[in-house]
Structure formats: structure tokens, C-alpha cells
N, C-alpha and C. Protein backbone atom coordinates (compact mmCIF):
# COMPACT_ATOMS: atom_id res chain seq x y z
N UNK A 1 -0.01 4.87 16.15
CA UNK A 1 0.33 5.17 14.86
C UNK A 1 0.38 6.57 14.56
N UNK A 2 1.30 7.02 13.78
CA UNK A 2 1.50 8.42 13.38
C UNK A 2 0.56 8.65 12.32
N UNK A 3 -0.14 9.87 12.32
CA UNK A 3 -0.91 10.34 11.25
C UNK A 3 -0.22 11.22 10.28
N UNK A 4 -0.48 10.99 8.93
CA UNK A 4 0.20 11.75 7.87
C UNK A 4 -0.93 12.30 6.95
N UNK A 5 -0.64 13.54 6.42
CA UNK A 5 -1.60 14.14 5.49
C UNK A 5 -0.88 14.34 4.15
N UNK A 6 -1.57 14.17 3.06
CA UNK A 6 -1.01 14.40 1.76
C UNK A 6 -2.12 15.07 0.93
N UNK A 7 -1.66 15.94 0.03
CA UNK A 7 -2.52 16.78 -0.78
C UNK A 7 -2.72 15.97 -2.13
N UNK A 8 -3.80 16.22 -2.82
CA UNK A 8 -4.15 15.68 -4.14
C UNK A 8 -2.92 15.91 -5.00
N UNK A 9 -2.44 14.79 -5.64
CA UNK A 9 -1.38 14.91 -6.50
C UNK A 9 0.01 14.56 -5.89
N UNK A 10 0.08 14.54 -4.56
CA UNK A 10 1.29 14.20 -3.91
C UNK A 10 1.69 12.75 -4.07
N UNK A 11 2.95 12.47 -4.22
CA UNK A 11 3.45 11.09 -4.25
C UNK A 11 3.73 10.70 -2.92
N UNK A 12 3.12 9.62 -2.52
CA UNK A 12 3.20 9.18 -1.14
C UNK A 12 4.38 8.12 -1.12
N UNK A 13 4.32 7.12 -2.03
CA UNK A 13 5.44 6.20 -2.28
C UNK A 13 5.89 6.28 -3.65
N UNK A 14 7.19 6.30 -3.87
CA UNK A 14 7.70 6.30 -5.18
C UNK A 14 8.33 4.90 -5.47
N UNK A 15 7.99 4.33 -6.65
CA UNK A 15 8.54 3.06 -7.03
C UNK A 15 10.06 3.07 -6.90
N UNK A 16 10.70 2.02 -6.38
CA UNK A 16 12.13 2.01 -6.21
C UNK A 16 12.71 2.59 -5.01
N UNK A 17 11.84 3.34 -4.22
CA UNK A 17 12.35 3.89 -2.97
C UNK A 17 12.31 2.76 -1.96
N UNK A 18 13.00 3.03 -0.76
CA UNK A 18 13.08 2.09 0.28
C UNK A 18 12.15 2.47 1.39
N UNK A 19 11.38 1.60 1.92
CA UNK A 19 10.47 1.95 3.01
C UNK A 19 10.20 0.76 3.91
N UNK A 20 9.91 1.00 5.24
CA UNK A 20 9.69 -0.05 6.11
C UNK A 20 8.36 0.21 6.87
N UNK A 21 7.42 0.85 6.31
CA UNK A 21 6.15 1.14 6.87
C UNK A 21 4.98 0.90 5.83
N UNK A 22 3.83 0.80 6.37
CA UNK A 22 2.61 0.67 5.59
C UNK A 22 1.71 1.74 6.04
N UNK A 23 0.71 2.03 5.17
CA UNK A 23 -0.23 3.12 5.47
C UNK A 23 -1.66 2.60 5.39
N UNK A 24 -2.46 3.06 6.32
CA UNK A 24 -3.86 2.70 6.34
C UNK A 24 -4.65 4.01 6.00
N UNK A 25 -5.51 3.99 5.05
CA UNK A 25 -6.27 5.12 4.58
C UNK A 25 -7.32 5.55 5.60
N UNK A 26 -7.30 6.69 6.21
CA UNK A 26 -8.30 7.10 7.12
C UNK A 26 -9.39 7.99 6.39
N UNK A 27 -8.96 8.71 5.31
CA UNK A 27 -9.84 9.53 4.48
C UNK A 27 -9.15 9.80 3.18
N UNK A 28 -9.96 9.90 2.05
CA UNK A 28 -9.39 10.17 0.82
C UNK A 28 -9.18 8.96 -0.02
N UNK A 29 -8.50 9.11 -1.22
CA UNK A 29 -8.24 8.04 -2.14
C UNK A 29 -6.82 8.20 -2.62
N UNK A 30 -6.26 6.99 -2.94
CA UNK A 30 -4.96 6.91 -3.56
C UNK A 30 -4.99 6.06 -4.72
N UNK A 31 -4.00 6.25 -5.65
CA UNK A 31 -3.87 5.41 -6.86
C UNK A 31 -2.59 4.65 -6.87
N UNK A 32 -2.52 3.43 -7.09
CA UNK A 32 -1.38 2.62 -7.15
C UNK A 32 -1.08 2.37 -8.64
N UNK A 33 0.18 2.73 -9.03
CA UNK A 33 0.48 2.66 -10.52
C UNK A 33 1.97 2.33 -10.66
N UNK A 34 2.25 2.14 -11.97
CA UNK A 34 3.63 1.92 -12.43
C UNK A 34 3.70 2.30 -13.85
N UNK A 35 5.05 2.61 -14.27
CA UNK A 35 5.26 3.00 -15.73
C UNK A 35 5.86 1.69 -16.39
N UNK A 36 5.20 1.33 -17.47
CA UNK A 36 5.68 0.17 -18.23
C UNK A 36 5.78 0.63 -19.63
N UNK A 37 6.99 0.61 -20.19
CA UNK A 37 7.22 1.09 -21.55
C UNK A 37 6.70 2.47 -21.74
N UNK A 38 6.97 3.29 -20.75
CA UNK A 38 6.53 4.79 -20.77
C UNK A 38 4.95 4.95 -20.72
N UNK A 39 4.29 3.86 -20.42
CA UNK A 39 2.82 3.90 -20.27
C UNK A 39 2.53 3.70 -18.78
N UNK A 40 1.64 4.56 -18.31
CA UNK A 40 1.18 4.45 -16.90
C UNK A 40 0.09 3.32 -16.86
N UNK A 41 0.35 2.38 -15.89
CA UNK A 41 -0.54 1.21 -15.64
C UNK A 41 -1.02 1.50 -14.24
N UNK A 42 -2.41 1.58 -14.14
CA UNK A 42 -3.04 1.78 -12.79
C UNK A 42 -3.44 0.39 -12.27
N UNK A 43 -2.92 0.06 -11.13
CA UNK A 43 -3.20 -1.27 -10.57
C UNK A 43 -4.51 -1.15 -9.74
N UNK A 44 -4.78 0.05 -9.25
CA UNK A 44 -6.05 0.17 -8.52
C UNK A 44 -6.13 1.52 -7.83
N UNK A 45 -7.35 1.82 -7.36
CA UNK A 45 -7.52 2.99 -6.54
C UNK A 45 -8.01 2.52 -5.17
N UNK A 46 -7.36 2.96 -4.05
CA UNK A 46 -7.72 2.53 -2.75
C UNK A 46 -8.39 3.58 -1.97
N UNK A 47 -9.35 3.22 -1.12
CA UNK A 47 -10.06 4.19 -0.28
C UNK A 47 -10.04 3.82 1.19
N UNK A 48 -10.85 4.59 1.88
CA UNK A 48 -10.82 4.50 3.42
C UNK A 48 -10.88 3.09 3.87
N UNK A 49 -10.00 2.70 4.80
CA UNK A 49 -9.96 1.42 5.42
C UNK A 49 -9.02 0.50 4.73
N UNK A 50 -8.53 0.83 3.58
CA UNK A 50 -7.54 -0.02 2.85
C UNK A 50 -6.15 0.33 3.25
N UNK A 51 -5.27 -0.63 2.97
CA UNK A 51 -3.90 -0.51 3.32
C UNK A 51 -2.95 -0.58 2.06
N UNK A 52 -1.80 0.05 2.12
CA UNK A 52 -0.83 -0.09 1.04
C UNK A 52 0.48 0.07 1.61
N UNK A 53 1.52 -0.41 0.85
CA UNK A 53 2.93 -0.39 1.39
C UNK A 53 3.24 -1.57 2.39
N UNK A 54 2.33 -2.54 2.51
CA UNK A 54 2.48 -3.58 3.46
C UNK A 54 3.67 -4.47 3.23
N UNK A 55 4.18 -4.56 2.02
CA UNK A 55 5.33 -5.43 1.71
C UNK A 55 6.61 -4.91 2.50
N UNK A 56 6.60 -3.51 2.67
CA UNK A 56 7.69 -2.93 3.51
C UNK A 56 7.81 -3.33 4.85
N UNK A 57 6.67 -3.87 5.43
CA UNK A 57 6.69 -4.29 6.74
C UNK A 57 7.50 -5.57 7.04
N UNK A 58 7.61 -6.42 5.96
CA UNK A 58 8.21 -7.70 6.14
C UNK A 58 9.48 -8.03 5.30
N UNK A 59 9.74 -7.20 4.31
CA UNK A 59 10.87 -7.48 3.47
C UNK A 59 11.70 -6.18 3.18
N UNK A 60 12.97 -6.35 2.97
CA UNK A 60 13.88 -5.29 2.69
C UNK A 60 14.13 -5.17 1.12
N UNK A 61 13.03 -4.85 0.42
CA UNK A 61 13.05 -4.66 -1.03
C UNK A 61 12.63 -3.31 -1.36
N UNK A 62 12.96 -2.82 -2.54
CA UNK A 62 12.48 -1.49 -2.98
C UNK A 62 10.98 -1.54 -3.20
N UNK A 63 10.34 -0.38 -3.14
CA UNK A 63 8.89 -0.32 -3.33
C UNK A 63 8.59 -0.77 -4.77
N UNK A 64 7.51 -1.47 -4.92
CA UNK A 64 7.15 -2.10 -6.22
C UNK A 64 6.21 -1.25 -7.10
N UNK A 65 5.71 -0.18 -6.53
CA UNK A 65 4.86 0.63 -7.33
C UNK A 65 4.78 2.07 -6.66
N UNK A 66 4.20 3.04 -7.50
CA UNK A 66 4.02 4.41 -6.93
C UNK A 66 2.70 4.56 -6.49
N UNK A 67 2.56 5.27 -5.40
CA UNK A 67 1.30 5.55 -4.74
C UNK A 67 1.07 7.09 -4.73
N UNK A 68 0.01 7.56 -5.39
CA UNK A 68 -0.26 9.01 -5.48
C UNK A 68 -1.59 9.36 -4.86
N UNK A 69 -1.68 10.47 -4.21
CA UNK A 69 -3.01 10.84 -3.63
C UNK A 69 -3.84 11.40 -4.79
N UNK A 70 -5.03 10.77 -4.89
CA UNK A 70 -6.04 11.11 -5.90
C UNK A 70 -6.83 12.35 -5.36
N UNK A 71 -6.98 12.43 -4.13
CA UNK A 71 -7.57 13.59 -3.50
C UNK A 71 -6.84 13.75 -2.15
N UNK A 72 -7.13 14.82 -1.38
CA UNK A 72 -6.49 14.97 -0.13
C UNK A 72 -6.74 13.72 0.68
N UNK A 73 -5.61 13.28 1.38
CA UNK A 73 -5.62 12.00 2.01
C UNK A 73 -5.09 12.08 3.50
N UNK A 74 -5.72 11.42 4.45
CA UNK A 74 -5.20 11.26 5.76
C UNK A 74 -4.82 9.79 5.95
N UNK A 75 -3.60 9.60 6.40
CA UNK A 75 -3.23 8.15 6.52
C UNK A 75 -2.73 7.91 7.99
N UNK A 76 -2.85 6.62 8.42
CA UNK A 76 -2.23 6.22 9.62
C UNK A 76 -0.95 5.40 9.25
N UNK A 77 0.21 5.72 9.76
CA UNK A 77 1.41 5.02 9.37
C UNK A 77 1.75 3.88 10.33
N UNK A 78 1.91 2.74 9.87
CA UNK A 78 2.26 1.53 10.61
C UNK A 78 3.66 1.23 10.38
N UNK A 79 4.53 1.35 11.35
CA UNK A 79 5.94 1.10 11.26
C UNK A 79 6.22 -0.44 11.28
N UNK A 80 7.39 -0.82 10.87
CA UNK A 80 7.79 -2.21 10.97
C UNK A 80 7.86 -2.68 12.43
N UNK A 81 8.42 -1.78 13.27
CA UNK A 81 8.52 -2.14 14.74
C UNK A 81 7.12 -2.36 15.30
N UNK A 82 6.14 -1.54 15.03
CA UNK A 82 4.84 -1.66 15.55
C UNK A 82 4.15 -2.98 15.01
N UNK A 83 4.41 -3.28 13.73
CA UNK A 83 3.89 -4.41 13.09
C UNK A 83 4.44 -5.65 13.78
N UNK A 84 5.76 -5.67 14.06
CA UNK A 84 6.38 -6.83 14.65
C UNK A 84 5.91 -7.03 16.07
N UNK A 85 5.64 -5.94 16.78
CA UNK A 85 5.10 -6.02 18.16
C UNK A 85 3.65 -6.59 18.14
N UNK A 86 2.92 -6.15 17.18
CA UNK A 86 1.45 -6.71 17.04
C UNK A 86 1.61 -8.13 16.71
N UNK A 87 2.46 -8.53 15.75
CA UNK A 87 2.67 -9.86 15.36
C UNK A 87 2.96 -10.81 16.57
N UNK A 88 3.73 -10.30 17.53
CA UNK A 88 4.04 -11.13 18.65
C UNK A 88 2.97 -11.12 19.73
N UNK A 89 2.37 -9.95 19.98
CA UNK A 89 1.45 -9.84 21.12
C UNK A 89 -0.03 -9.92 20.71
N UNK A 90 -0.41 -9.43 19.54
CA UNK A 90 -1.93 -9.46 19.14
C UNK A 90 -2.01 -9.86 17.68
N UNK A 91 -1.64 -11.08 17.25
CA UNK A 91 -1.56 -11.37 15.88
C UNK A 91 -2.97 -11.25 15.17
N UNK A 92 -4.09 -11.46 15.85
CA UNK A 92 -5.38 -11.35 15.25
C UNK A 92 -5.64 -9.94 14.68
N UNK A 93 -5.04 -8.95 15.24
CA UNK A 93 -5.13 -7.58 14.72
C UNK A 93 -4.70 -7.43 13.34
N UNK A 94 -3.75 -8.27 12.92
CA UNK A 94 -3.05 -8.21 11.61
C UNK A 94 -3.88 -8.96 10.54
N UNK A 95 -5.05 -9.55 10.89
CA UNK A 95 -5.79 -10.32 9.81
C UNK A 95 -6.23 -9.41 8.65
N UNK A 96 -6.59 -8.03 8.86
CA UNK A 96 -6.93 -7.24 7.70
C UNK A 96 -5.68 -7.05 6.73
N UNK A 97 -4.56 -7.01 7.28
CA UNK A 97 -3.34 -6.85 6.46
C UNK A 97 -3.17 -8.11 5.64
N UNK A 98 -3.28 -9.28 6.25
CA UNK A 98 -3.11 -10.55 5.62
C UNK A 98 -4.18 -10.72 4.54
N UNK A 99 -5.44 -10.31 4.83
CA UNK A 99 -6.48 -10.39 3.85
C UNK A 99 -6.25 -9.49 2.61
N UNK A 100 -5.66 -8.31 2.90
CA UNK A 100 -5.26 -7.36 1.79
C UNK A 100 -4.26 -8.01 0.90
N UNK A 101 -3.29 -8.67 1.54
CA UNK A 101 -2.24 -9.34 0.70
C UNK A 101 -2.81 -10.35 -0.25
N UNK A 102 -3.74 -11.18 0.37
CA UNK A 102 -4.43 -12.20 -0.46
C UNK A 102 -5.25 -11.69 -1.61
N UNK A 103 -5.94 -10.58 -1.32
CA UNK A 103 -6.76 -9.88 -2.34
C UNK A 103 -5.91 -9.38 -3.42
N UNK A 104 -4.70 -8.73 -3.09
CA UNK A 104 -3.73 -8.23 -4.09
C UNK A 104 -3.25 -9.41 -4.97
N UNK A 105 -2.99 -10.52 -4.31
CA UNK A 105 -2.50 -11.67 -5.09
C UNK A 105 -3.57 -12.16 -6.09
N UNK A 106 -4.79 -12.26 -5.54
CA UNK A 106 -5.89 -12.65 -6.48
C UNK A 106 -6.08 -11.70 -7.69
N UNK A 107 -5.99 -10.42 -7.37
CA UNK A 107 -6.10 -9.43 -8.43
C UNK A 107 -4.94 -9.57 -9.46
N UNK A 108 -3.70 -9.70 -8.95
CA UNK A 108 -2.57 -9.84 -9.87
C UNK A 108 -2.73 -11.08 -10.76
N UNK A 109 -3.20 -12.13 -10.13
CA UNK A 109 -3.33 -13.43 -10.94
C UNK A 109 -4.48 -13.23 -11.98
N UNK A 110 -5.47 -12.48 -11.69
CA UNK A 110 -6.59 -12.23 -12.62
C UNK A 110 -6.03 -11.41 -13.76
N UNK A 111 -5.22 -10.37 -13.43
CA UNK A 111 -4.61 -9.49 -14.45
C UNK A 111 -3.77 -10.30 -15.39
N UNK A 112 -3.06 -11.25 -14.93
CA UNK A 112 -2.13 -12.06 -15.68
C UNK A 112 -2.96 -12.97 -16.61
N UNK A 113 -4.01 -13.56 -16.08
CA UNK A 113 -4.88 -14.44 -16.86
C UNK A 113 -5.62 -13.60 -17.94
N UNK A 114 -6.08 -12.44 -17.59
CA UNK A 114 -6.85 -11.64 -18.57
C UNK A 114 -5.97 -11.11 -19.72
N UNK A 115 -4.69 -11.03 -19.48
CA UNK A 115 -3.80 -10.57 -20.63
C UNK A 115 -3.44 -11.64 -21.61
N UNK A 116 -3.73 -12.90 -21.29
CA UNK A 116 -3.38 -14.03 -22.17
C UNK A 116 -4.52 -14.20 -23.28
């Protein structure tokens, strides 16, 4: 995996952009957010060991949120090709990514219920 560095305030992923990789946080924090009616909505702050951008590994859709470095960040970039190779050869390695997806789904469901 390739290592990437971002400074505090850098936009790592911009909503609407196209991407085919995910990032695993090795150090630092990032904020996942979106603008709704000109109001910033923060979905969460992610820290060391967490992953973001994972939808880009499996689907050809535009990015669904903006990810910004809250502090200086070091990331490991997981490409779609690497993901597919792991999926075929070592699927158990991908369990943390699958767990992250389920956790995000649970969080999104809770946010929807809490707004009612």
C-alpha cells in the first residue's frame, strides 16, 4: 500500500469526485462531512485504524462525502486492484473493511431514526 500525508485542513476526498481507492488512517484524524442547504453536517471523526473511501473500492459512483484532515494525517492507500486481489486470495483480511461498512450503516440508520 502506498503511504500518503495530508496537513491539517487539507481536503482528502471531495464530495462528487471520482475515486477507486480507500484510505486507512495510520496517524491523525479526519472529519467526514457534507453540505446540506448550505449547512455543514459532520457524519463523524475518524482516527487511527479506521477506514474511509471504501465505497470506491467496489462501485463506480461519485464520492458521497467530503473528508478533511482535522490534524496532520498519514494514510495507507488501498487501491481497487489490491482490494480485488485480497478478495480473491485472502478474503479474511477484508473483515475490518466489511465491519466498517456495517458500522456506518448502523450509524446512518440511527441518524435517520433520531431525526424523526
